[in-house]
Amino acid sequence: MRPEDERYFERIEARLDEAFDLAETAKGRGYDPKTEVEIPVAVDMADRVENILGIEGVAERVRDLEGEMSREEAALELVTDFVEGTVGDYDSREGKIEGAVRTAVALLTEGVVAAPIEGIDRVELLDNDDGTEFVNVYYAGPIRSAGGTAQALSVLVADYARSLLGIDEFKARSDEIERYAEEVALYDKETGLQYSPKDKETKFVAENMPIMLDGEATGDEEVSGFRDLERVDTNNARGGMCLVLAEGIALKAPKIQRYTRELDEVDWPWLQDLIDGTYADDTGSDASDDAGDESGESDGDETDEAEPEAAAGEGAD
């Protein structure tokens, strides 16, 4: 770096320190709801990720991985750190999964949108009908700002963590599978999806998904057919869930398949049928005729970019 460039950045840092000192003095008078400056300083992307999440140790680990692999690969590598407890301070299994999922989304969106904190409400462990446990990820509407790839990868991260922790897969009931199809169609009609899968495609994803995709109600209209289900909290469309299933898993299947093939602990063979459109409906007929290229074969990055939003201002600058 040229000497004049070094002096330039030194001046910026000095003025920033002065501004923070002034802000801390003003905050200390007690007229604001909080007495400390709420916006942390971040020197790089790794700092932004750690600051937006508040998970100690993430920044250092991200810097270690940045030069060795892509961000998607780094997000998956961090899963083992959360499971083993070398990153994050979680006592529960669901806490470790939640930390890994939030970090993956923050990493892929460079810590500049609200999706990692507002788009993922919580992670729970619930019971299958056979008595085994499964992972339920509860999404919210702001997950939209993450983009399709980050949405889909968040599910893969949750499944990878599930496998490492020895938790069973989600076994969807038949009425839940039907509900997913009805709900995605309702959300598309009410709000709109960038990619709207056909009912048989949605059912195929729901039947094979090893993680339960759940979420809070975001729309006013209610489903008419599959209502009052035991493991679904609302009769309204769950916007975050619909986005992750349709614009994440269904649309970005080819991209996600690259990473499932590299993980011995994760097995998603059904992705190939989803990509090829060779999944079958309830009657066993082939779906390739009307799935075709709509099944997520578009592998461009035009829809992957995170959408900046005002809410991101709550994170690190």
Protein backbone atom coordinates (compact mmCIF):
# COMPACT_ATOMS: atom_id res chain seq x y z
CA MET A 1 0.00 0.00 0.00
CA ARG A 2 1.29 3.44 -0.87
CA PRO A 3 2.19 5.78 2.03
CA GLU A 4 -0.55 8.23 1.04
CA ASP A 5 -3.10 5.39 1.09
CA GLU A 6 -1.96 4.35 4.56
CA ARG A 7 -2.35 7.92 5.81
CA TYR A 8 -5.82 8.08 4.25
CA PHE A 9 -7.04 4.99 6.10
CA GLU A 10 -5.37 6.13 9.32
CA ARG A 11 -7.34 9.38 9.12
CA ILE A 12 -10.58 7.47 8.58
CA GLU A 13 -9.92 5.24 11.60
CA ALA A 14 -8.97 8.21 13.76
CA ARG A 15 -12.16 10.08 12.84
CA LEU A 16 -14.19 6.93 13.44
CA ASP A 17 -12.70 6.62 16.93
CA GLU A 18 -13.58 10.25 17.60
CA ALA A 19 -17.15 9.71 16.42
CA PHE A 20 -17.55 6.64 18.62
CA ASP A 21 -16.18 8.50 21.66
CA LEU A 22 -18.68 11.29 21.06
CA ALA A 23 -21.55 8.82 20.56
CA GLU A 24 -20.63 6.91 23.74
CA THR A 25 -20.60 10.15 25.73
CA ALA A 26 -24.03 11.09 24.39
CA LYS A 27 -25.43 7.60 24.99
CA GLY A 28 -24.05 7.62 28.52
CA ARG A 29 -26.39 10.45 29.49
CA GLY A 30 -29.24 7.95 29.55
CA TYR A 31 -31.72 9.66 27.23
CA ASP A 32 -31.77 6.77 24.74
CA PRO A 33 -33.27 3.31 25.36
CA LYS A 34 -29.75 1.86 25.46
CA THR A 35 -26.69 3.51 26.96
CA GLU A 36 -24.12 1.94 24.63
CA VAL A 37 -23.46 2.37 20.92
CA GLU A 38 -25.34 -0.46 19.23
CA ILE A 39 -23.46 -0.63 15.90
CA PRO A 40 -20.17 -2.55 16.19
CA VAL A 41 -17.17 -1.82 13.99
CA ALA A 42 -16.20 -4.50 11.48
CA VAL A 43 -12.91 -4.48 9.62
CA ASP A 44 -13.83 -7.25 7.16
CA MET A 45 -16.55 -9.70 6.13
CA ALA A 46 -15.60 -12.16 8.89
CA ASP A 47 -16.10 -9.44 11.49
CA ARG A 48 -19.49 -8.55 10.01
CA VAL A 49 -20.62 -12.17 10.25
CA GLU A 50 -19.55 -12.46 13.89
CA ASN A 51 -21.00 -9.09 14.86
CA ILE A 52 -24.40 -9.64 13.28
CA LEU A 53 -24.73 -13.02 15.01
CA GLY A 54 -22.92 -12.33 18.26
CA ILE A 55 -21.24 -15.75 18.15
CA GLU A 56 -17.70 -15.53 19.50
CA GLY A 57 -14.99 -17.24 17.49
CA VAL A 58 -16.77 -17.19 14.13
CA ALA A 59 -14.64 -14.40 12.62
CA GLU A 60 -11.32 -16.08 13.35
CA ARG A 61 -12.51 -19.40 11.92
CA VAL A 62 -13.95 -17.74 8.80
CA ARG A 63 -10.61 -16.03 8.15
CA ASP A 64 -8.86 -19.39 8.45
CA LEU A 65 -11.15 -20.93 5.84
CA GLU A 66 -11.51 -18.00 3.43
CA GLY A 67 -8.29 -18.56 1.54
CA GLU A 68 -8.73 -22.33 1.32
CA MET A 69 -12.26 -22.80 -0.03
CA SER A 70 -15.43 -21.16 -1.30
CA ARG A 71 -17.91 -19.61 1.09
CA GLU A 72 -20.35 -22.45 0.54
CA GLU A 73 -17.66 -24.96 1.45
CA ALA A 74 -16.64 -22.85 4.44
CA ALA A 75 -20.25 -22.80 5.66
CA LEU A 76 -20.32 -26.60 5.57
CA GLU A 77 -16.90 -26.86 7.23
CA LEU A 78 -18.13 -24.68 10.08
CA VAL A 79 -20.86 -27.23 10.83
CA THR A 80 -18.31 -29.61 12.36
CA ASP A 81 -16.96 -26.75 14.49
CA PHE A 82 -20.40 -26.05 15.91
CA VAL A 83 -21.16 -29.73 16.50
CA GLU A 84 -17.81 -30.29 18.24
CA GLY A 85 -18.16 -27.08 20.26
CA THR A 86 -14.99 -25.36 19.01
CA VAL A 87 -17.12 -22.47 17.73
CA GLY A 88 -20.09 -21.14 19.67
CA ASP A 89 -21.16 -21.93 23.21
CA TYR A 90 -24.22 -24.15 22.95
CA ASP A 91 -25.30 -26.81 25.42
CA SER A 92 -28.18 -28.23 23.38
CA ARG A 93 -28.14 -30.07 20.06
CA GLU A 94 -30.75 -27.75 18.58
CA GLY A 95 -28.63 -24.77 19.63
CA LYS A 96 -25.64 -26.12 17.73
CA ILE A 97 -27.75 -26.68 14.62
CA GLU A 98 -29.25 -23.20 14.87
CA GLY A 99 -25.82 -21.61 15.26
CA ALA A 100 -24.52 -23.45 12.20
CA VAL A 101 -27.56 -22.52 10.10
CA ARG A 102 -27.47 -18.83 11.03
CA THR A 103 -23.73 -18.66 10.41
CA ALA A 104 -24.08 -20.28 6.99
CA VAL A 105 -26.69 -17.74 5.90
CA ALA A 106 -24.66 -14.84 7.33
CA LEU A 107 -21.53 -16.04 5.56
CA LEU A 108 -23.23 -16.43 2.19
CA THR A 109 -24.86 -13.00 2.48
CA GLU A 110 -21.61 -11.41 3.73
CA GLY A 111 -23.27 -10.20 6.92
CA VAL A 112 -25.11 -7.34 5.22
CA VAL A 113 -28.78 -8.44 5.29
CA ALA A 114 -31.19 -9.32 8.08
CA ALA A 115 -31.86 -12.89 6.91
CA PRO A 116 -29.50 -14.65 9.39
CA ILE A 117 -31.16 -13.05 12.41
CA GLU A 118 -34.71 -12.30 11.28
CA GLY A 119 -35.22 -14.93 8.58
CA ILE A 120 -34.56 -17.88 10.90
CA ASP A 121 -36.77 -17.85 13.96
CA ARG A 122 -35.59 -21.00 15.74
CA VAL A 123 -34.59 -24.65 15.46
CA GLU A 124 -36.43 -27.36 17.39
CA LEU A 125 -36.23 -31.11 17.92
CA LEU A 126 -39.62 -32.80 17.55
CA ASP A 127 -40.82 -36.41 17.44
CA ASN A 128 -41.60 -38.62 14.47
CA ASP A 129 -44.50 -41.06 14.73
CA ASP A 130 -42.02 -43.90 15.32
CA GLY A 131 -40.60 -42.17 18.40
CA THR A 132 -37.39 -40.92 16.79
CA GLU A 133 -36.43 -37.25 16.83
CA PHE A 134 -36.19 -34.92 13.84
CA VAL A 135 -35.02 -31.35 13.21
CA ASN A 136 -37.55 -28.59 12.57
CA VAL A 137 -36.22 -25.29 11.17
CA TYR A 138 -38.62 -22.40 11.67
CA TYR A 139 -38.20 -19.79 8.92
CA ALA A 140 -39.63 -16.27 8.66
CA GLY A 141 -40.36 -13.92 5.76
CA PRO A 142 -37.02 -12.01 5.82
CA ILE A 143 -35.25 -15.19 4.65
CA ARG A 144 -36.20 -13.89 1.17
CA SER A 145 -33.28 -11.44 1.29
CA ALA A 146 -30.79 -14.31 1.51
CA GLY A 147 -31.42 -15.49 -2.06
CA GLY A 148 -32.17 -19.00 -3.27
CA THR A 149 -28.73 -20.56 -2.84
CA ALA A 150 -28.34 -19.45 0.77
CA GLN A 151 -31.88 -20.57 1.54
CA ALA A 152 -31.23 -24.04 0.14
CA LEU A 153 -27.80 -24.31 1.75
CA SER A 154 -29.32 -23.50 5.14
CA VAL A 155 -31.35 -26.71 4.85
CA LEU A 156 -28.30 -28.70 3.81
CA VAL A 157 -26.34 -27.29 6.76
CA ALA A 158 -29.15 -28.27 9.13
CA ASP A 159 -29.20 -31.80 7.68
CA TYR A 160 -25.42 -32.13 7.87
CA ALA A 161 -25.47 -31.08 11.53
CA ARG A 162 -28.39 -33.46 12.15
CA SER A 163 -26.39 -36.35 10.72
CA LEU A 164 -23.27 -35.53 12.75
CA LEU A 165 -25.37 -35.34 15.92
CA GLY A 166 -27.06 -38.69 15.26
CA ILE A 167 -30.60 -37.32 14.94
CA ASP A 168 -33.06 -39.14 12.68
CA GLU A 169 -34.60 -37.72 9.50
CA PHE A 170 -38.00 -36.03 9.34
CA LYS A 171 -40.71 -38.47 8.29
CA ALA A 172 -43.56 -36.40 6.89
CA ARG A 173 -47.15 -37.56 7.31
CA SER A 174 -49.33 -37.80 4.21
CA ASP A 175 -51.51 -34.86 5.25
CA GLU A 176 -48.39 -32.73 5.85
CA ILE A 177 -47.13 -33.51 2.34
CA GLU A 178 -50.47 -32.44 0.88
CA ARG A 179 -50.41 -29.32 3.05
CA TYR A 180 -47.02 -28.26 1.67
CA ALA A 181 -48.39 -28.39 -1.88
CA GLU A 182 -51.55 -26.47 -1.02
CA GLU A 183 -49.63 -23.90 0.99
CA VAL A 184 -46.94 -23.16 -1.61
CA ALA A 185 -49.66 -22.64 -4.23
CA LEU A 186 -51.57 -20.34 -1.86
CA TYR A 187 -48.47 -18.29 -1.07
CA ASP A 188 -47.65 -17.95 -4.76
CA LYS A 189 -51.18 -16.73 -5.46
CA GLU A 190 -51.23 -14.34 -2.50
CA THR A 191 -47.66 -12.99 -2.53
CA GLY A 192 -45.81 -14.40 -5.53
CA LEU A 193 -42.81 -16.66 -5.98
CA GLN A 194 -39.91 -16.25 -8.38
CA TYR A 195 -40.23 -19.95 -9.12
CA SER A 196 -43.51 -21.75 -8.45
CA PRO A 197 -43.20 -25.56 -8.42
CA LYS A 198 -46.13 -27.69 -9.49
CA ASP A 199 -48.02 -29.56 -6.78
CA LYS A 200 -46.40 -32.91 -7.59
CA GLU A 201 -42.95 -31.31 -7.43
CA THR A 202 -43.68 -29.75 -4.04
CA LYS A 203 -44.99 -33.08 -2.74
CA PHE A 204 -41.87 -34.85 -3.98
CA VAL A 205 -39.61 -32.40 -2.12
CA ALA A 206 -41.74 -32.60 1.03
CA GLU A 207 -41.75 -36.40 1.00
CA ASN A 208 -37.96 -36.62 0.69
CA MET A 209 -36.87 -33.64 2.79
CA PRO A 210 -34.88 -34.91 5.81
CA ILE A 211 -35.51 -31.65 7.71
CA MET A 212 -38.96 -30.30 8.51
CA LEU A 213 -39.39 -26.88 6.90
CA ASP A 214 -41.65 -24.79 9.11
CA GLY A 215 -42.30 -21.13 9.78
CA GLU A 216 -44.51 -18.36 11.02
CA ALA A 217 -47.70 -17.26 9.29
CA THR A 218 -47.11 -14.38 6.89
CA GLY A 219 -50.33 -14.14 4.89
CA ASP A 220 -53.98 -13.36 5.58
CA GLU A 221 -55.51 -16.20 3.60
CA GLU A 222 -55.83 -19.68 5.07
CA VAL A 223 -55.54 -23.07 3.42
CA SER A 224 -58.89 -24.69 2.77
CA GLY A 225 -58.03 -28.38 2.65
CA PHE A 226 -55.38 -29.52 5.09
CA ARG A 227 -56.12 -27.50 8.20
CA ASP A 228 -55.45 -27.80 11.93
CA LEU A 229 -52.57 -30.24 11.53
CA GLU A 230 -50.94 -31.42 14.73
CA ARG A 231 -47.39 -30.43 13.79
CA VAL A 232 -48.26 -27.20 11.94
CA ASP A 233 -49.02 -24.19 14.13
CA THR A 234 -51.11 -22.18 11.67
CA ASN A 235 -53.64 -22.51 8.87
CA ASN A 236 -52.11 -19.52 7.07
CA ALA A 237 -49.33 -19.68 4.51
CA ARG A 238 -45.87 -19.78 6.09
CA GLY A 239 -43.96 -17.44 3.80
CA GLY A 240 -40.43 -18.28 4.92
CA MET A 241 -41.03 -21.99 4.49
CA CYS A 242 -42.55 -21.51 1.03
CA LEU A 243 -39.57 -19.44 -0.10
CA VAL A 244 -37.03 -22.00 1.11
CA LEU A 245 -38.85 -24.93 -0.47
CA ALA A 246 -39.64 -23.29 -3.82
CA GLU A 247 -36.92 -20.72 -4.52
CA GLY A 248 -34.33 -22.59 -2.48
CA ILE A 249 -34.56 -26.38 -2.76
CA ALA A 250 -36.66 -26.69 -5.94
CA LEU A 251 -34.96 -23.93 -7.93
CA LYS A 252 -31.39 -24.45 -6.75
CA ALA A 253 -31.28 -28.25 -6.73
CA PRO A 254 -28.35 -28.49 -9.22
CA LYS A 255 -26.20 -26.14 -7.18
CA ILE A 256 -26.97 -27.89 -3.89
CA GLN A 257 -26.23 -31.28 -5.45
CA ARG A 258 -22.60 -30.23 -5.92
CA TYR A 259 -22.19 -30.12 -2.16
CA THR A 260 -24.31 -33.13 -1.19
CA ARG A 261 -22.04 -35.26 -3.39
CA GLU A 262 -19.02 -34.16 -1.35
CA LEU A 263 -20.51 -35.03 2.04
CA ASP A 264 -20.36 -38.67 3.12
CA GLU A 265 -22.75 -38.00 5.99
CA VAL A 266 -25.49 -36.55 3.77
CA ASP A 267 -27.39 -38.50 1.12
CA TRP A 268 -29.89 -36.69 -1.09
CA PRO A 269 -30.17 -39.02 -4.13
CA TRP A 270 -33.66 -37.69 -4.85
CA LEU A 271 -32.16 -34.39 -6.02
CA GLN A 272 -31.27 -35.99 -9.36
CA ASP A 273 -34.91 -36.93 -9.96
CA LEU A 274 -35.91 -33.40 -9.01
CA ILE A 275 -33.39 -31.95 -11.47
CA ASP A 276 -34.37 -34.35 -14.27
CA GLY A 277 -38.09 -34.02 -13.62
CA THR A 278 -38.42 -37.80 -13.24
CA TYR A 279 -40.20 -37.70 -9.91
CA ALA A 280 -43.65 -39.32 -9.86
CA ASP A 281 -46.99 -38.09 -8.61
CA ASP A 282 -49.32 -40.04 -6.35
CA THR A 283 -50.50 -42.26 -9.20
CA GLY A 284 -46.95 -43.21 -10.15
CA SER A 285 -46.99 -41.39 -13.50
CA ASP A 286 -43.80 -39.75 -14.67
CA ALA A 287 -43.55 -36.00 -14.18
CA SER A 288 -40.82 -35.29 -16.70
CA ASP A 289 -43.23 -34.09 -19.39
CA ASP A 290 -44.38 -31.05 -17.47
CA ALA A 291 -41.40 -30.49 -15.20
CA GLY A 292 -38.67 -30.16 -17.81
CA ASP A 293 -36.43 -27.20 -17.31
CA GLU A 294 -38.60 -25.82 -14.50
CA SER A 295 -37.22 -28.31 -12.00
CA GLY A 296 -34.31 -26.09 -11.08
CA GLU A 297 -31.99 -26.79 -14.00
CA SER A 298 -31.29 -23.09 -14.31
CA ASP A 299 -27.98 -22.86 -12.52
CA GLY A 300 -27.19 -19.22 -13.04
CA ASP A 301 -26.32 -16.86 -10.24
CA GLU A 302 -28.76 -14.16 -11.22
CA THR A 303 -31.11 -15.11 -8.38
CA ASP A 304 -28.46 -15.89 -5.82
CA GLU A 305 -27.52 -12.38 -4.90
CA ALA A 306 -28.66 -11.33 -1.47
CA GLU A 307 -31.05 -8.42 -1.59
CA PRO A 308 -29.78 -5.47 0.48
CA GLU A 309 -32.44 -4.05 2.74
CA ALA A 310 -32.85 -1.36 5.29
CA ALA A 311 -33.01 -3.89 8.09
CA ALA A 312 -29.40 -4.77 7.45
CA GLY A 313 -28.48 -1.52 9.10
CA GLU A 314 -29.03 -3.25 12.41
CA GLY A 315 -25.89 -5.30 11.77
CA ALA A 316 -22.26 -4.31 11.59
CA ASP A 317 -21.02 -1.44 9.44
